C-alpha cells in the first residue's frame, strides 16, 4: 500500500517547504551570530586599544623618568671626571689626603647608584615585556 502520485507530490511539497523554512531560520540565526560576533570583536578591539594606550602612557612616563635620571647621572659623571682629573694632578702634592679618600668614596657610591638604576631599567623592561606578552596572549585567545 504505497502512496499515490498525489500523496507523493504533497509529501515532496511538505518536505520542500519544511527544508526551506529551516534554511531561512538557519540563515537568520547565522546572520544574528555574525552580527553579535562582530560587535564582540569590536568591543574587544576597543578594550585592547585602551589597554595599549595605558601601556604607552606608562612607558612614556618611564622613559621620561629615565631620561631625567640619565641627565642627572651625566651631570654627576662630568663632575666626577673633573674631580678625578684634578685628583690625579694633585694627588701627590695634596696636603689633604683624607679629603681625597672621601672623594674616592663618593665616586664609588655614584657607580653603585648607576648600577642600581641600570638594573631597575632592565627589570622594568622585563616586566613590561611580560605584560605585553600577556596582552598578546589574551588577544589571541579572544
C-alpha atoms as a PDB file:
ATOM      1  CA  UNK A   1       0.000   0.000   0.000  1.00  0.00           C
ATOM      2  CA  UNK A   2       2.166   2.757  -1.233  1.00  0.00           C
ATOM      3  CA  UNK A   3       1.492   6.381  -1.656  1.00  0.00           C
ATOM      4  CA  UNK A   4      -0.444   7.673  -4.587  1.00  0.00           C
ATOM      5  CA  UNK A   5       1.136  10.091  -7.010  1.00  0.00           C
ATOM      6  CA  UNK A   6      -0.833  12.938  -5.483  1.00  0.00           C
ATOM      7  CA  UNK A   7       0.261  11.970  -1.947  1.00  0.00           C
ATOM      8  CA  UNK A   8       3.885  11.744  -3.104  1.00  0.00           C
ATOM      9  CA  UNK A   9       3.631  15.208  -4.623  1.00  0.00           C
ATOM     10  CA  UNK A  10       2.079  16.615  -1.427  1.00  0.00           C
ATOM     11  CA  UNK A  11       4.777  14.924   0.671  1.00  0.00           C
ATOM     12  CA  UNK A  12       7.530  16.373  -1.549  1.00  0.00           C
ATOM     13  CA  UNK A  13       5.981  19.839  -1.273  1.00  0.00           C
ATOM     14  CA  UNK A  14       5.716  19.462   2.516  1.00  0.00           C
ATOM     15  CA  UNK A  15       9.349  18.375   2.811  1.00  0.00           C
ATOM     16  CA  UNK A  16      10.489  21.152   0.463  1.00  0.00           C
ATOM     17  CA  UNK A  17       8.568  23.754   2.477  1.00  0.00           C
ATOM     18  CA  UNK A  18       9.998  22.400   5.744  1.00  0.00           C
ATOM     19  CA  UNK A  19      13.561  22.440   4.390  1.00  0.00           C
ATOM     20  CA  UNK A  20      13.084  25.975   3.057  1.00  0.00           C
ATOM     21  CA  UNK A  21      11.743  27.152   6.434  1.00  0.00           C
ATOM     22  CA  UNK A  22      14.705  25.552   8.254  1.00  0.00           C
ATOM     23  CA  UNK A  23      17.166  27.108   5.786  1.00  0.00           C
ATOM     24  CA  UNK A  24      15.614  30.562   6.257  1.00  0.00           C
ATOM     25  CA  UNK A  25      15.668  30.220  10.045  1.00  0.00           C
ATOM     26  CA  UNK A  26      19.263  28.962   9.955  1.00  0.00           C
ATOM     27  CA  UNK A  27      20.267  31.836   7.685  1.00  0.00           C
ATOM     28  CA  UNK A  28      18.734  34.368  10.085  1.00  0.00           C
ATOM     29  CA  UNK A  29      20.451  32.715  13.038  1.00  0.00           C
ATOM     30  CA  UNK A  30      23.796  32.783  11.222  1.00  0.00           C
ATOM     31  CA  UNK A  31      23.353  36.475  10.423  1.00  0.00           C
ATOM     32  CA  UNK A  32      22.471  37.156  14.053  1.00  0.00           C
ATOM     33  CA  UNK A  33      25.550  35.251  15.246  1.00  0.00           C
ATOM     34  CA  UNK A  34      27.755  37.127  12.761  1.00  0.00           C
ATOM     35  CA  UNK A  35      26.413  40.481  13.982  1.00  0.00           C
ATOM     36  CA  UNK A  36      26.967  39.554  17.635  1.00  0.00           C
ATOM     37  CA  UNK A  37      30.455  38.250  16.858  1.00  0.00           C
ATOM     38  CA  UNK A  38      31.409  41.425  15.008  1.00  0.00           C
ATOM     39  CA  UNK A  39      30.098  43.522  17.900  1.00  0.00           C
ATOM     40  CA  UNK A  40      32.091  41.462  20.402  1.00  0.00           C
ATOM     41  CA  UNK A  41      35.219  41.742  18.268  1.00  0.00           C
ATOM     42  CA  UNK A  42      34.748  45.491  18.079  1.00  0.00           C
ATOM     43  CA  UNK A  43      34.397  45.684  21.870  1.00  0.00           C
ATOM     44  CA  UNK A  44      37.484  43.530  22.353  1.00  0.00           C
ATOM     45  CA  UNK A  45      39.423  45.703  19.916  1.00  0.00           C
ATOM     46  CA  UNK A  46      38.382  48.860  21.782  1.00  0.00           C
ATOM     47  CA  UNK A  47      39.369  47.355  25.139  1.00  0.00           C
ATOM     48  CA  UNK A  48      42.693  46.177  23.747  1.00  0.00           C
ATOM     49  CA  UNK A  49      43.359  49.581  22.206  1.00  0.00           C
ATOM     50  CA  UNK A  50      42.567  51.243  25.528  1.00  0.00           C
ATOM     51  CA  UNK A  51      44.916  48.865  27.353  1.00  0.00           C
ATOM     52  CA  UNK A  52      47.698  49.573  24.872  1.00  0.00           C
ATOM     53  CA  UNK A  53      47.095  53.308  25.259  1.00  0.00           C
ATOM     54  CA  UNK A  54      47.504  52.907  29.015  1.00  0.00           C
ATOM     55  CA  UNK A  55      50.688  50.905  28.492  1.00  0.00           C
ATOM     56  CA  UNK A  56      52.016  53.516  26.051  1.00  0.00           C
ATOM     57  CA  UNK A  57      51.282  56.263  28.568  1.00  0.00           C
ATOM     58  CA  UNK A  58      53.083  54.373  31.322  1.00  0.00           C
ATOM     59  CA  UNK A  59      56.031  53.600  29.044  1.00  0.00           C
ATOM     60  CA  UNK A  60      56.270  57.279  28.149  1.00  0.00           C
ATOM     61  CA  UNK A  61      56.317  58.140  31.855  1.00  0.00           C
ATOM     62  CA  UNK A  62      59.058  55.568  32.446  1.00  0.00           C
ATOM     63  CA  UNK A  63      61.049  56.921  29.509  1.00  0.00           C
ATOM     64  CA  UNK A  64      60.670  60.489  30.809  1.00  0.00           C
ATOM     65  CA  UNK A  65      61.834  59.458  34.264  1.00  0.00           C
ATOM     66  CA  UNK A  66      64.743  57.510  32.802  1.00  0.00           C
ATOM     67  CA  UNK A  67      65.755  60.487  30.666  1.00  0.00           C
ATOM     68  CA  UNK A  68      65.691  62.777  33.700  1.00  0.00           C
ATOM     69  CA  UNK A  69      67.713  60.284  35.709  1.00  0.00           C
ATOM     70  CA  UNK A  70      70.210  59.866  32.899  1.00  0.00           C
ATOM     71  CA  UNK A  71      70.572  63.646  32.669  1.00  0.00           C
ATOM     72  CA  UNK A  72      71.364  63.829  36.355  1.00  0.00           C
ATOM     73  CA  UNK A  73      73.822  60.987  36.022  1.00  0.00           C
ATOM     74  CA  UNK A  74      75.596  62.637  33.094  1.00  0.00           C
ATOM     75  CA  UNK A  75      75.999  65.800  35.137  1.00  0.00           C
ATOM     76  CA  UNK A  76      77.263  63.819  38.096  1.00  0.00           C
ATOM     77  CA  UNK A  77      79.651  61.872  35.851  1.00  0.00           C
ATOM     78  CA  UNK A  78      81.022  65.101  34.366  1.00  0.00           C
ATOM     79  CA  UNK A  79      81.680  66.455  37.837  1.00  0.00           C
ATOM     80  CA  UNK A  80      83.273  63.167  38.806  1.00  0.00           C
ATOM     81  CA  UNK A  81      85.583  63.213  35.775  1.00  0.00           C
ATOM     82  CA  UNK A  82      86.722  66.719  36.651  1.00  0.00           C
ATOM     83  CA  UNK A  83      87.381  65.654  40.218  1.00  0.00           C
ATOM     84  CA  UNK A  84      89.299  62.584  39.098  1.00  0.00           C
ATOM     85  CA  UNK A  85      91.425  64.680  36.752  1.00  0.00           C
ATOM     86  CA  UNK A  86      92.103  67.165  39.494  1.00  0.00           C
ATOM     87  CA  UNK A  87      92.854  64.324  41.883  1.00  0.00           C
ATOM     88  CA  UNK A  88      95.350  62.764  39.501  1.00  0.00           C
ATOM     89  CA  UNK A  89      97.151  66.080  39.042  1.00  0.00           C
ATOM     90  CA  UNK A  90      97.346  66.992  42.692  1.00  0.00           C
ATOM     91  CA  UNK A  91      97.321  63.647  44.465  1.00  0.00           C
ATOM     92  CA  UNK A  92     100.980  63.628  45.316  1.00  0.00           C
ATOM     93  CA  UNK A  93     101.113  67.264  46.350  1.00  0.00           C
ATOM     94  CA  UNK A  94      97.787  67.454  48.166  1.00  0.00           C
ATOM     95  CA  UNK A  95      98.129  68.048  51.876  1.00  0.00           C
ATOM     96  CA  UNK A  96      94.547  66.851  52.446  1.00  0.00           C
ATOM     97  CA  UNK A  97      94.824  63.133  51.808  1.00  0.00           C
ATOM     98  CA  UNK A  98      91.708  62.468  53.898  1.00  0.00           C
ATOM     99  CA  UNK A  99      89.601  64.638  51.604  1.00  0.00           C
ATOM    100  CA  UNK A 100      90.923  62.773  48.582  1.00  0.00           C
ATOM    101  CA  UNK A 101      89.805  59.482  50.113  1.00  0.00           C
ATOM    102  CA  UNK A 102      86.303  60.891  50.680  1.00  0.00           C
ATOM    103  CA  UNK A 103      86.070  61.906  47.032  1.00  0.00           C
ATOM    104  CA  UNK A 104      87.064  58.410  46.020  1.00  0.00           C
ATOM    105  CA  UNK A 105      84.302  57.032  48.230  1.00  0.00           C
ATOM    106  CA  UNK A 106      81.793  59.359  46.587  1.00  0.00           C
ATOM    107  CA  UNK A 107      82.886  58.181  43.144  1.00  0.00           C
ATOM    108  CA  UNK A 108      82.332  54.600  44.220  1.00  0.00           C
ATOM    109  CA  UNK A 109      78.872  55.494  45.557  1.00  0.00           C
ATOM    110  CA  UNK A 110      77.924  57.094  42.222  1.00  0.00           C
ATOM    111  CA  UNK A 111      78.966  53.952  40.383  1.00  0.00           C
ATOM    112  CA  UNK A 112      76.816  51.819  42.680  1.00  0.00           C
ATOM    113  CA  UNK A 113      73.820  54.110  42.164  1.00  0.00           C
ATOM    114  CA  UNK A 114      74.279  53.960  38.390  1.00  0.00           C
ATOM    115  CA  UNK A 115      74.371  50.178  38.558  1.00  0.00           C
ATOM    116  CA  UNK A 116      71.176  50.152  40.592  1.00  0.00           C
ATOM    117  CA  UNK A 117      69.412  52.399  38.079  1.00  0.00           C
ATOM    118  CA  UNK A 118      70.520  50.215  35.173  1.00  0.00           C
ATOM    119  CA  UNK A 119      69.188  47.133  36.961  1.00  0.00           C
ATOM    120  CA  UNK A 120      65.922  48.933  37.664  1.00  0.00           C
ATOM    121  CA  UNK A 121      65.502  49.872  33.998  1.00  0.00           C
ATOM    122  CA  UNK A 122      66.241  46.296  32.920  1.00  0.00           C
ATOM    123  CA  UNK A 123      63.743  44.861  35.400  1.00  0.00           C
ATOM    124  CA  UNK A 124      61.124  47.411  34.325  1.00  0.00           C
ATOM    125  CA  UNK A 125      61.682  46.485  30.679  1.00  0.00           C
ATOM    126  CA  UNK A 126      61.310  42.805  31.502  1.00  0.00           C
ATOM    127  CA  UNK A 127      58.068  43.394  33.391  1.00  0.00           C
ATOM    128  CA  UNK A 128      56.648  45.462  30.531  1.00  0.00           C
ATOM    129  CA  UNK A 129      57.632  42.721  28.067  1.00  0.00           C
ATOM    130  CA  UNK A 130      55.761  40.188  30.174  1.00  0.00           C
ATOM    131  CA  UNK A 131      52.706  42.442  30.323  1.00  0.00           C
ATOM    132  CA  UNK A 132      52.757  42.935  26.557  1.00  0.00           C
ATOM    133  CA  UNK A 133      53.094  39.176  26.126  1.00  0.00           C
ATOM    134  CA  UNK A 134      50.067  38.597  28.348  1.00  0.00           C
ATOM    135  CA  UNK A 135      48.006  41.116  26.390  1.00  0.00           C
ATOM    136  CA  UNK A 136      49.094  39.448  23.162  1.00  0.00           C
ATOM    137  CA  UNK A 137      48.032  36.062  24.506  1.00  0.00           C
ATOM    138  CA  UNK A 138      44.697  37.483  25.680  1.00  0.00           C
ATOM    139  CA  UNK A 139      44.187  38.997  22.246  1.00  0.00           C
ATOM    140  CA  UNK A 140      44.927  35.647  20.580  1.00  0.00           C
ATOM    141  CA  UNK A 141      42.566  33.777  22.907  1.00  0.00           C
ATOM    142  CA  UNK A 142      39.734  36.210  22.389  1.00  0.00           C
END
